Amino acid sequence: MIGMLRSAGLLSAMSMLMVGCMTSPAISGEPKSPVEGFDIHVQAPHMMADGTPGGPFHHYCKGISDKILQCLLFDSTDPKAKLVAIEYFVAKDLSRKLPAIQWHRHFHDHKIEIATGRVQVLDMPADQAAKVAEVAAGTDGVIYHLWQHGQEFPDGTVTFPQSLGHKFPRHGEK
């Protein structure tokens, strides 16, 4: 119960930080489309499905509930950058309900990823970025990579990259 409250509190804090980061709220105060509010900018590399490092990828994120954030991942910050992937930040009390084998195939622990030092929260003051990283550490991530490196266009292939810090269990470990 305490863990669930902590996760809810962490994601609530992340939502509050994100509200403070929004750069273009609608006049009425409510977003006018689902693309508004992707204002948290995170840069991180990934371990691609073939085991090679990829990126770094630019994640533009927003909260959609007190348990889930969603991020659009681009290959650069160019205005015409390719949308190559989507990542969900999911409260650990939700994602850890999955069977261990499914979790390890698709999810990674953001606490471990952030601890590698490879993740950067950009476009905000350092103290606010540290708070975002602290909140994100309370979530797990799942990445759906939609536009594979070197392809002229997305061909329908979906892969599940991991964080470079993800530790796969050995046989018999959970």
N, C-alpha and C. Protein backbone atom coordinates (compact mmCIF):
# COMPACT_ATOMS: atom_id res chain seq x y z
N MET A 1 0.83 -1.19 0.00
CA MET A 1 0.00 0.00 0.00
C MET A 1 0.88 1.26 0.00
N ILE A 2 1.94 1.21 0.82
CA ILE A 2 2.83 2.38 0.89
C ILE A 2 3.48 2.61 -0.47
N GLY A 3 3.91 1.52 -1.14
CA GLY A 3 4.53 1.65 -2.46
C GLY A 3 3.56 2.24 -3.46
N MET A 4 2.29 1.83 -3.39
CA MET A 4 1.29 2.35 -4.31
C MET A 4 1.08 3.84 -4.07
N LEU A 5 1.02 4.24 -2.81
CA LEU A 5 0.86 5.67 -2.50
C LEU A 5 2.08 6.45 -2.95
N ARG A 6 3.27 5.87 -2.75
CA ARG A 6 4.50 6.55 -3.19
C ARG A 6 4.49 6.73 -4.70
N SER A 7 4.11 5.68 -5.46
CA SER A 7 4.05 5.78 -6.93
C SER A 7 3.04 6.83 -7.35
N ALA A 8 1.87 6.81 -6.73
CA ALA A 8 0.85 7.81 -7.07
C ALA A 8 1.36 9.21 -6.74
N GLY A 9 2.03 9.35 -5.61
CA GLY A 9 2.57 10.65 -5.24
C GLY A 9 3.65 11.11 -6.19
N LEU A 10 4.52 10.19 -6.62
CA LEU A 10 5.58 10.55 -7.56
C LEU A 10 5.00 10.99 -8.89
N LEU A 11 4.03 10.24 -9.39
CA LEU A 11 3.46 10.62 -10.68
C LEU A 11 2.63 11.89 -10.56
N SER A 12 2.00 12.10 -9.41
CA SER A 12 1.27 13.36 -9.21
C SER A 12 2.25 14.53 -9.22
N ALA A 13 3.40 14.34 -8.56
CA ALA A 13 4.41 15.39 -8.57
C ALA A 13 4.92 15.65 -9.98
N MET A 14 5.12 14.57 -10.76
CA MET A 14 5.55 14.73 -12.15
C MET A 14 4.51 15.50 -12.94
N SER A 15 3.25 15.19 -12.72
CA SER A 15 2.17 15.90 -13.42
C SER A 15 2.20 17.38 -13.07
N MET A 16 2.43 17.69 -11.80
CA MET A 16 2.49 19.09 -11.38
C MET A 16 3.68 19.79 -12.03
N LEU A 17 4.83 19.10 -12.08
CA LEU A 17 5.99 19.69 -12.75
C LEU A 17 5.71 19.93 -14.22
N MET A 18 5.01 18.97 -14.84
CA MET A 18 4.72 19.12 -16.26
C MET A 18 3.77 20.28 -16.51
N VAL A 19 2.82 20.48 -15.64
CA VAL A 19 1.92 21.61 -15.81
C VAL A 19 2.72 22.91 -15.78
N GLY A 20 3.71 22.97 -14.90
CA GLY A 20 4.55 24.15 -14.83
C GLY A 20 5.43 24.32 -16.05
N CYS A 21 5.67 23.24 -16.80
CA CYS A 21 6.52 23.30 -17.99
C CYS A 21 5.75 23.62 -19.26
N MET A 22 4.45 23.54 -19.22
CA MET A 22 3.67 23.74 -20.44
C MET A 22 3.92 25.14 -20.99
N THR A 23 4.18 25.18 -22.29
CA THR A 23 4.53 26.45 -22.90
C THR A 23 3.39 27.09 -23.67
N SER A 24 2.38 26.31 -24.04
CA SER A 24 1.32 26.89 -24.87
C SER A 24 -0.07 26.41 -24.45
N PRO A 25 -0.51 26.75 -23.24
CA PRO A 25 -1.84 26.32 -22.84
C PRO A 25 -2.89 27.02 -23.69
N ALA A 26 -4.00 26.33 -23.92
CA ALA A 26 -5.09 26.91 -24.68
C ALA A 26 -5.68 28.08 -23.89
N ILE A 27 -6.33 28.97 -24.57
CA ILE A 27 -6.91 30.15 -23.94
C ILE A 27 -7.86 29.75 -22.82
N SER A 28 -8.63 28.69 -23.02
CA SER A 28 -9.58 28.25 -22.01
C SER A 28 -8.88 27.53 -20.86
N GLY A 29 -7.59 27.24 -20.97
CA GLY A 29 -6.87 26.52 -19.93
C GLY A 29 -6.83 25.03 -20.20
N GLU A 30 -7.64 24.55 -21.10
CA GLU A 30 -7.67 23.13 -21.46
C GLU A 30 -7.00 22.94 -22.81
N PRO A 31 -6.22 21.87 -22.97
CA PRO A 31 -5.61 21.61 -24.28
C PRO A 31 -6.69 21.44 -25.35
N LYS A 32 -6.37 21.90 -26.55
CA LYS A 32 -7.32 21.79 -27.66
C LYS A 32 -7.09 20.54 -28.49
N SER A 33 -5.94 19.87 -28.31
CA SER A 33 -5.66 18.65 -29.05
C SER A 33 -4.72 17.77 -28.24
N PRO A 34 -4.65 16.48 -28.58
CA PRO A 34 -3.78 15.58 -27.83
C PRO A 34 -2.29 15.86 -28.02
N VAL A 35 -1.92 16.64 -29.02
CA VAL A 35 -0.49 16.91 -29.23
C VAL A 35 0.04 18.04 -28.37
N GLU A 36 -0.83 18.79 -27.72
CA GLU A 36 -0.38 19.84 -26.82
C GLU A 36 0.16 19.25 -25.53
N GLY A 37 1.18 19.88 -25.00
CA GLY A 37 1.68 19.51 -23.68
C GLY A 37 2.86 18.56 -23.65
N PHE A 38 3.40 18.17 -24.80
CA PHE A 38 4.59 17.32 -24.80
C PHE A 38 5.81 18.21 -24.57
N ASP A 39 5.93 18.73 -23.37
CA ASP A 39 6.90 19.78 -23.07
C ASP A 39 8.08 19.34 -22.23
N ILE A 40 8.07 18.13 -21.72
CA ILE A 40 9.23 17.65 -20.98
C ILE A 40 10.17 17.01 -22.00
N HIS A 41 11.37 17.56 -22.12
CA HIS A 41 12.34 17.11 -23.13
C HIS A 41 13.43 16.31 -22.44
N VAL A 42 13.51 15.05 -22.79
CA VAL A 42 14.51 14.13 -22.22
C VAL A 42 15.33 13.56 -23.37
N GLN A 43 16.63 13.48 -23.18
CA GLN A 43 17.50 12.87 -24.18
C GLN A 43 18.14 11.64 -23.57
N ALA A 44 18.06 10.51 -24.29
CA ALA A 44 18.65 9.27 -23.80
C ALA A 44 18.95 8.33 -24.96
N PRO A 45 20.02 7.57 -24.84
CA PRO A 45 20.29 6.52 -25.83
C PRO A 45 19.48 5.27 -25.48
N HIS A 46 19.40 4.35 -26.41
CA HIS A 46 18.73 3.07 -26.17
C HIS A 46 19.63 1.93 -26.64
N MET A 47 19.38 0.76 -26.10
CA MET A 47 19.98 -0.45 -26.63
C MET A 47 18.96 -1.00 -27.62
N MET A 48 19.34 -1.02 -28.88
CA MET A 48 18.41 -1.42 -29.93
C MET A 48 18.19 -2.93 -29.89
N ALA A 49 17.19 -3.40 -30.62
CA ALA A 49 16.83 -4.81 -30.60
C ALA A 49 17.97 -5.72 -31.02
N ASP A 50 18.90 -5.21 -31.86
CA ASP A 50 20.04 -6.03 -32.29
C ASP A 50 21.21 -5.96 -31.31
N GLY A 51 21.03 -5.27 -30.18
CA GLY A 51 22.06 -5.19 -29.15
C GLY A 51 23.03 -4.03 -29.29
N THR A 52 22.87 -3.22 -30.32
CA THR A 52 23.76 -2.07 -30.51
C THR A 52 23.17 -0.82 -29.88
N PRO A 53 24.04 0.10 -29.44
CA PRO A 53 23.53 1.38 -28.92
C PRO A 53 22.91 2.21 -30.04
N GLY A 54 21.84 2.91 -29.74
CA GLY A 54 21.19 3.79 -30.71
C GLY A 54 20.87 5.13 -30.09
N GLY A 55 20.75 6.14 -30.94
CA GLY A 55 20.40 7.46 -30.45
C GLY A 55 21.61 8.34 -30.29
N PRO A 56 21.53 9.34 -29.44
CA PRO A 56 20.47 9.54 -28.45
C PRO A 56 19.15 9.97 -29.09
N PHE A 57 18.07 9.63 -28.43
CA PHE A 57 16.73 9.97 -28.89
C PHE A 57 16.18 11.10 -28.03
N HIS A 58 15.44 11.97 -28.67
CA HIS A 58 14.82 13.10 -27.99
C HIS A 58 13.38 12.73 -27.67
N HIS A 59 13.10 12.63 -26.37
CA HIS A 59 11.78 12.26 -25.87
C HIS A 59 11.04 13.55 -25.49
N TYR A 60 9.86 13.74 -26.02
CA TYR A 60 9.00 14.87 -25.62
C TYR A 60 7.78 14.25 -24.95
N CYS A 61 7.64 14.53 -23.64
CA CYS A 61 6.71 13.78 -22.80
C CYS A 61 5.64 14.65 -22.16
N LYS A 62 4.53 13.98 -21.81
CA LYS A 62 3.47 14.61 -21.01
C LYS A 62 2.73 13.52 -20.25
N GLY A 63 2.14 13.91 -19.14
CA GLY A 63 1.33 12.98 -18.36
C GLY A 63 -0.06 12.86 -18.93
N ILE A 64 -0.58 11.63 -18.95
CA ILE A 64 -1.96 11.42 -19.39
C ILE A 64 -2.83 10.90 -18.26
N SER A 65 -2.19 10.53 -17.15
CA SER A 65 -2.91 10.14 -15.93
C SER A 65 -1.91 10.23 -14.79
N ASP A 66 -2.35 9.90 -13.58
CA ASP A 66 -1.42 9.94 -12.46
C ASP A 66 -0.52 8.70 -12.42
N LYS A 67 -0.68 7.79 -13.37
CA LYS A 67 0.12 6.57 -13.43
C LYS A 67 0.92 6.42 -14.72
N ILE A 68 0.60 7.21 -15.75
CA ILE A 68 1.23 7.01 -17.06
C ILE A 68 1.61 8.34 -17.70
N LEU A 69 2.84 8.38 -18.21
CA LEU A 69 3.29 9.48 -19.07
C LEU A 69 3.56 8.87 -20.43
N GLN A 70 3.34 9.65 -21.48
CA GLN A 70 3.67 9.16 -22.81
C GLN A 70 4.64 10.12 -23.47
N CYS A 71 5.55 9.55 -24.26
CA CYS A 71 6.59 10.34 -24.90
C CYS A 71 6.66 10.04 -26.38
N LEU A 72 6.85 11.09 -27.16
CA LEU A 72 7.11 10.98 -28.59
C LEU A 72 8.62 11.05 -28.75
N LEU A 73 9.22 10.09 -29.44
CA LEU A 73 10.67 10.02 -29.57
C LEU A 73 11.09 10.35 -31.00
N PHE A 74 12.00 11.30 -31.09
CA PHE A 74 12.50 11.77 -32.38
C PHE A 74 13.99 11.49 -32.48
N ASP A 75 14.50 11.42 -33.73
CA ASP A 75 15.92 11.15 -33.94
C ASP A 75 16.78 12.40 -33.83
N SER A 76 16.16 13.57 -33.72
CA SER A 76 16.90 14.83 -33.54
C SER A 76 15.92 15.89 -33.04
N THR A 77 16.42 17.11 -32.90
CA THR A 77 15.54 18.23 -32.52
C THR A 77 15.16 19.08 -33.72
N ASP A 78 15.54 18.66 -34.90
CA ASP A 78 15.18 19.38 -36.12
C ASP A 78 13.65 19.42 -36.25
N PRO A 79 13.08 20.53 -36.67
CA PRO A 79 11.62 20.60 -36.83
C PRO A 79 11.05 19.52 -37.76
N LYS A 80 11.87 18.97 -38.65
CA LYS A 80 11.40 17.91 -39.54
C LYS A 80 11.94 16.54 -39.12
N ALA A 81 12.31 16.41 -37.85
CA ALA A 81 12.84 15.14 -37.34
C ALA A 81 11.80 14.03 -37.47
N LYS A 82 12.31 12.82 -37.66
CA LYS A 82 11.44 11.65 -37.77
C LYS A 82 10.92 11.25 -36.39
N LEU A 83 9.61 11.00 -36.30
CA LEU A 83 9.03 10.37 -35.11
C LEU A 83 9.36 8.89 -35.24
N VAL A 84 10.31 8.40 -34.43
CA VAL A 84 10.80 7.04 -34.60
C VAL A 84 10.25 6.06 -33.57
N ALA A 85 9.73 6.57 -32.46
CA ALA A 85 9.30 5.65 -31.40
C ALA A 85 8.35 6.36 -30.44
N ILE A 86 7.73 5.56 -29.59
CA ILE A 86 6.86 6.03 -28.52
C ILE A 86 7.32 5.31 -27.25
N GLU A 87 7.41 6.05 -26.15
CA GLU A 87 7.73 5.42 -24.88
C GLU A 87 6.67 5.80 -23.86
N TYR A 88 6.29 4.81 -23.06
CA TYR A 88 5.39 5.04 -21.94
C TYR A 88 6.17 4.90 -20.65
N PHE A 89 5.99 5.86 -19.75
CA PHE A 89 6.50 5.77 -18.38
C PHE A 89 5.31 5.29 -17.55
N VAL A 90 5.44 4.13 -16.95
CA VAL A 90 4.32 3.49 -16.24
C VAL A 90 4.69 3.31 -14.77
N ALA A 91 3.77 3.67 -13.90
CA ALA A 91 3.99 3.48 -12.46
C ALA A 91 4.36 2.03 -12.19
N LYS A 92 5.36 1.83 -11.34
CA LYS A 92 5.86 0.49 -11.08
C LYS A 92 4.80 -0.43 -10.49
N ASP A 93 3.84 0.13 -9.75
CA ASP A 93 2.80 -0.73 -9.20
C ASP A 93 1.90 -1.30 -10.29
N LEU A 94 1.89 -0.71 -11.48
CA LEU A 94 1.15 -1.28 -12.62
C LEU A 94 2.04 -2.24 -13.41
N SER A 95 3.21 -1.76 -13.84
CA SER A 95 4.05 -2.57 -14.73
C SER A 95 4.58 -3.83 -14.06
N ARG A 96 4.77 -3.79 -12.76
CA ARG A 96 5.33 -4.94 -12.07
C ARG A 96 4.29 -6.04 -11.83
N LYS A 97 3.06 -5.81 -12.27
CA LYS A 97 2.03 -6.85 -12.23
C LYS A 97 2.22 -7.86 -13.37
N LEU A 98 3.00 -7.46 -14.38
CA LEU A 98 3.23 -8.33 -15.53
C LEU A 98 4.07 -9.53 -15.14
N PRO A 99 3.94 -10.64 -15.87
CA PRO A 99 4.86 -11.76 -15.64
C PRO A 99 6.30 -11.28 -15.85
N ALA A 100 7.22 -11.78 -15.05
CA ALA A 100 8.62 -11.32 -15.10
C ALA A 100 9.20 -11.41 -16.50
N ILE A 101 8.91 -12.49 -17.22
CA ILE A 101 9.50 -12.65 -18.55
C ILE A 101 8.99 -11.55 -19.50
N GLN A 102 7.73 -11.19 -19.39
CA GLN A 102 7.19 -10.12 -20.24
C GLN A 102 7.79 -8.78 -19.85
N TRP A 103 7.89 -8.53 -18.54
CA TRP A 103 8.47 -7.26 -18.08
C TRP A 103 9.90 -7.13 -18.61
N HIS A 104 10.73 -8.16 -18.48
CA HIS A 104 12.13 -8.07 -18.89
C HIS A 104 12.30 -7.98 -20.40
N ARG A 105 11.38 -8.52 -21.17
CA ARG A 105 11.46 -8.41 -22.63
C ARG A 105 11.19 -6.99 -23.10
N HIS A 106 10.26 -6.31 -22.44
CA HIS A 106 9.79 -5.04 -22.98
C HIS A 106 10.03 -3.83 -22.09
N PHE A 107 10.13 -3.98 -20.79
CA PHE A 107 10.22 -2.85 -19.87
C PHE A 107 11.63 -2.68 -19.33
N HIS A 108 11.90 -1.48 -18.84
CA HIS A 108 13.16 -1.20 -18.16
C HIS A 108 12.86 -0.27 -16.99
N ASP A 109 13.71 -0.34 -15.99
CA ASP A 109 13.56 0.44 -14.76
C ASP A 109 14.23 1.80 -14.97
N HIS A 110 13.45 2.87 -14.89
CA HIS A 110 14.02 4.20 -15.09
C HIS A 110 15.01 4.59 -14.00
N LYS A 111 14.86 4.05 -12.81
CA LYS A 111 15.82 4.35 -11.74
C LYS A 111 17.21 3.87 -12.15
N ILE A 112 17.28 2.67 -12.69
CA ILE A 112 18.57 2.12 -13.14
C ILE A 112 19.09 2.91 -14.33
N GLU A 113 18.21 3.24 -15.27
CA GLU A 113 18.63 3.99 -16.46
C GLU A 113 19.17 5.37 -16.09
N ILE A 114 18.48 6.06 -15.21
CA ILE A 114 18.91 7.40 -14.80
C ILE A 114 20.25 7.33 -14.07
N ALA A 115 20.44 6.29 -13.27
CA ALA A 115 21.68 6.13 -12.51
C ALA A 115 22.91 5.95 -13.40
N THR A 116 22.71 5.55 -14.66
CA THR A 116 23.86 5.39 -15.57
C THR A 116 24.46 6.73 -15.95
N GLY A 117 23.72 7.82 -15.78
CA GLY A 117 24.20 9.14 -16.16
C GLY A 117 24.00 9.47 -17.63
N ARG A 118 23.36 8.57 -18.37
CA ARG A 118 23.16 8.78 -19.81
C ARG A 118 21.90 9.56 -20.14
N VAL A 119 21.03 9.77 -19.16
CA VAL A 119 19.76 10.45 -19.38
C VAL A 119 19.91 11.93 -19.03
N GLN A 120 19.42 12.80 -19.88
CA GLN A 120 19.47 14.24 -19.62
C GLN A 120 18.06 14.81 -19.75
N VAL A 121 17.65 15.57 -18.75
CA VAL A 121 16.39 16.32 -18.83
C VAL A 121 16.80 17.71 -19.29
N LEU A 122 16.29 18.13 -20.44
CA LEU A 122 16.71 19.36 -21.10
C LEU A 122 15.65 20.45 -21.02
N ASP A 123 16.03 21.65 -21.38
CA ASP A 123 15.12 22.78 -21.56
C ASP A 123 14.40 23.23 -20.30
N MET A 124 15.04 23.04 -19.14
CA MET A 124 14.48 23.56 -17.88
C MET A 124 15.62 23.76 -16.90
N PRO A 125 15.41 24.57 -15.86
CA PRO A 125 16.46 24.79 -14.86
C PRO A 125 16.90 23.47 -14.21
N ALA A 126 18.16 23.41 -13.81
CA ALA A 126 18.75 22.18 -13.25
C ALA A 126 17.97 21.64 -12.06
N ASP A 127 17.48 22.51 -11.17
CA ASP A 127 16.75 22.01 -10.00
C ASP A 127 15.43 21.36 -10.41
N GLN A 128 14.76 21.93 -11.39
CA GLN A 128 13.51 21.35 -11.88
C GLN A 128 13.79 20.05 -12.64
N ALA A 129 14.87 20.01 -13.42
CA ALA A 129 15.25 18.79 -14.14
C ALA A 129 15.55 17.66 -13.15
N ALA A 130 16.20 17.99 -12.03
CA ALA A 130 16.50 16.98 -11.01
C ALA A 130 15.22 16.41 -10.42
N LYS A 131 14.22 17.26 -10.22
CA LYS A 131 12.93 16.79 -9.69
C LYS A 131 12.23 15.88 -10.70
N VAL A 132 12.28 16.24 -11.98
CA VAL A 132 11.68 15.39 -13.01
C VAL A 132 12.37 14.03 -13.03
N ALA A 133 13.70 14.02 -12.98
CA ALA A 133 14.45 12.76 -12.98
C ALA A 133 14.10 11.91 -11.75
N GLU A 134 13.96 12.56 -10.61
CA GLU A 134 13.60 11.84 -9.38
C GLU A 134 12.23 11.18 -9.51
N VAL A 135 11.29 11.89 -10.08
CA VAL A 135 9.94 11.33 -10.26
C VAL A 135 9.98 10.21 -11.30
N ALA A 136 10.69 10.43 -12.40
CA ALA A 136 10.78 9.41 -13.45
C ALA A 136 11.41 8.13 -12.92
N ALA A 137 12.31 8.24 -11.95
CA ALA A 137 12.96 7.07 -11.37
C ALA A 137 11.95 6.13 -10.71
N GLY A 138 10.76 6.61 -10.41
CA GLY A 138 9.72 5.79 -9.82
C GLY A 138 8.85 5.09 -10.84
N THR A 139 9.29 5.10 -12.12
CA THR A 139 8.50 4.47 -13.19
C THR A 139 9.34 3.46 -13.95
N ASP A 140 8.66 2.63 -14.71
CA ASP A 140 9.29 1.73 -15.67
C ASP A 140 8.93 2.23 -17.06
N GLY A 141 9.77 1.94 -18.04
CA GLY A 141 9.51 2.38 -19.40
C GLY A 141 9.36 1.22 -20.35
N VAL A 142 8.51 1.43 -21.37
CA VAL A 142 8.39 0.48 -22.47
C VAL A 142 8.44 1.30 -23.76
N ILE A 143 9.32 0.91 -24.68
CA ILE A 143 9.56 1.64 -25.92
C ILE A 143 9.06 0.81 -27.10
N TYR A 144 8.29 1.45 -27.96
CA TYR A 144 7.84 0.85 -29.21
C TYR A 144 8.56 1.60 -30.33
N HIS A 145 9.58 0.98 -30.92
CA HIS A 145 10.36 1.64 -31.97
C HIS A 145 9.71 1.32 -33.31
N LEU A 146 9.27 2.35 -34.01
CA LEU A 146 8.43 2.20 -35.20
C LEU A 146 9.14 2.45 -36.52
N TRP A 147 10.20 3.24 -36.49
CA TRP A 147 10.92 3.58 -37.73
C TRP A 147 12.37 3.16 -37.50
N GLN A 148 12.74 2.04 -38.09
CA GLN A 148 14.04 1.43 -37.84
C GLN A 148 15.16 2.22 -38.52
N HIS A 149 16.31 2.24 -37.87
CA HIS A 149 17.47 2.97 -38.38
C HIS A 149 17.81 2.53 -39.80
N GLY A 150 18.06 3.52 -40.65
CA GLY A 150 18.47 3.25 -42.03
C GLY A 150 17.32 3.03 -43.00
N GLN A 151 16.09 2.96 -42.50
CA GLN A 151 14.96 2.76 -43.40
C GLN A 151 14.51 4.09 -44.00
N GLU A 152 14.06 4.03 -45.25
CA GLU A 152 13.55 5.22 -45.93
C GLU A 152 12.20 5.64 -45.35
N PHE A 153 11.43 4.66 -44.88
CA PHE A 153 10.12 4.90 -44.30
C PHE A 153 9.81 3.78 -43.31
N PRO A 154 8.87 4.00 -42.38
CA PRO A 154 8.51 2.92 -41.46
C PRO A 154 7.76 1.83 -42.23
N ASP A 155 8.23 0.58 -42.10
CA ASP A 155 7.64 -0.52 -42.88
C ASP A 155 6.72 -1.42 -42.08
N GLY A 156 6.38 -1.02 -40.88
CA GLY A 156 5.49 -1.84 -40.04
C GLY A 156 6.23 -2.68 -39.03
N THR A 157 7.55 -2.71 -39.09
CA THR A 157 8.35 -3.45 -38.12
C THR A 157 8.36 -2.67 -36.80
N VAL A 158 8.04 -3.36 -35.73
CA VAL A 158 8.07 -2.76 -34.39
C VAL A 158 9.08 -3.54 -33.56
N THR A 159 10.01 -2.81 -32.94
CA THR A 159 10.97 -3.44 -32.04
C THR A 159 10.83 -2.82 -30.66
N PHE A 160 11.44 -3.48 -29.67
CA PHE A 160 11.35 -3.03 -28.29
C PHE A 160 12.74 -2.80 -27.73
N PRO A 161 13.32 -1.63 -28.01
CA PRO A 161 14.64 -1.33 -27.44
C PRO A 161 14.58 -1.28 -25.91
N GLN A 162 15.73 -1.35 -25.31
CA GLN A 162 15.86 -1.25 -23.86
C GLN A 162 16.73 -0.05 -23.52
N SER A 163 16.78 0.29 -22.25
CA SER A 163 17.75 1.29 -21.81
C SER A 163 19.12 0.61 -21.82
N LEU A 164 20.17 1.41 -22.00
CA LEU A 164 21.51 0.84 -21.99
C LEU A 164 21.88 0.27 -20.63
N GLY A 165 21.18 0.67 -19.58
CA GLY A 165 21.47 0.16 -18.24
C GLY A 165 20.62 -1.03 -17.82
N HIS A 166 19.73 -1.51 -18.71
CA HIS A 166 18.83 -2.61 -18.33
C HIS A 166 19.63 -3.87 -18.05
N LYS A 167 19.26 -4.55 -16.96
CA LYS A 167 19.93 -5.79 -16.60
C LYS A 167 18.95 -6.94 -16.81
N PHE A 168 19.29 -7.80 -17.76
CA PHE A 168 18.47 -8.97 -18.01
C PHE A 168 18.77 -10.01 -16.95
N PRO A 169 17.75 -10.71 -16.43
CA PRO A 169 18.01 -11.71 -15.39
C PRO A 169 18.71 -12.94 -15.98
N ARG A 170 19.45 -13.60 -15.13
CA ARG A 170 20.05 -14.87 -15.53
C ARG A 170 19.00 -15.96 -15.35
N HIS A 171 19.26 -17.10 -15.94
CA HIS A 171 18.32 -18.21 -15.83
C HIS A 171 18.01 -18.49 -14.36
N GLY A 172 16.74 -18.55 -14.04
CA GLY A 172 16.30 -18.82 -12.68
C GLY A 172 16.09 -17.59 -11.82
N GLU A 173 16.55 -16.40 -12.28
CA GLU A 173 16.35 -15.16 -11.53
C GLU A 173 15.04 -14.52 -11.94
N LYS A 174 14.51 -13.71 -11.04
CA LYS A 174 13.30 -12.93 -11.37
C LYS A 174 13.65 -11.49 -11.53
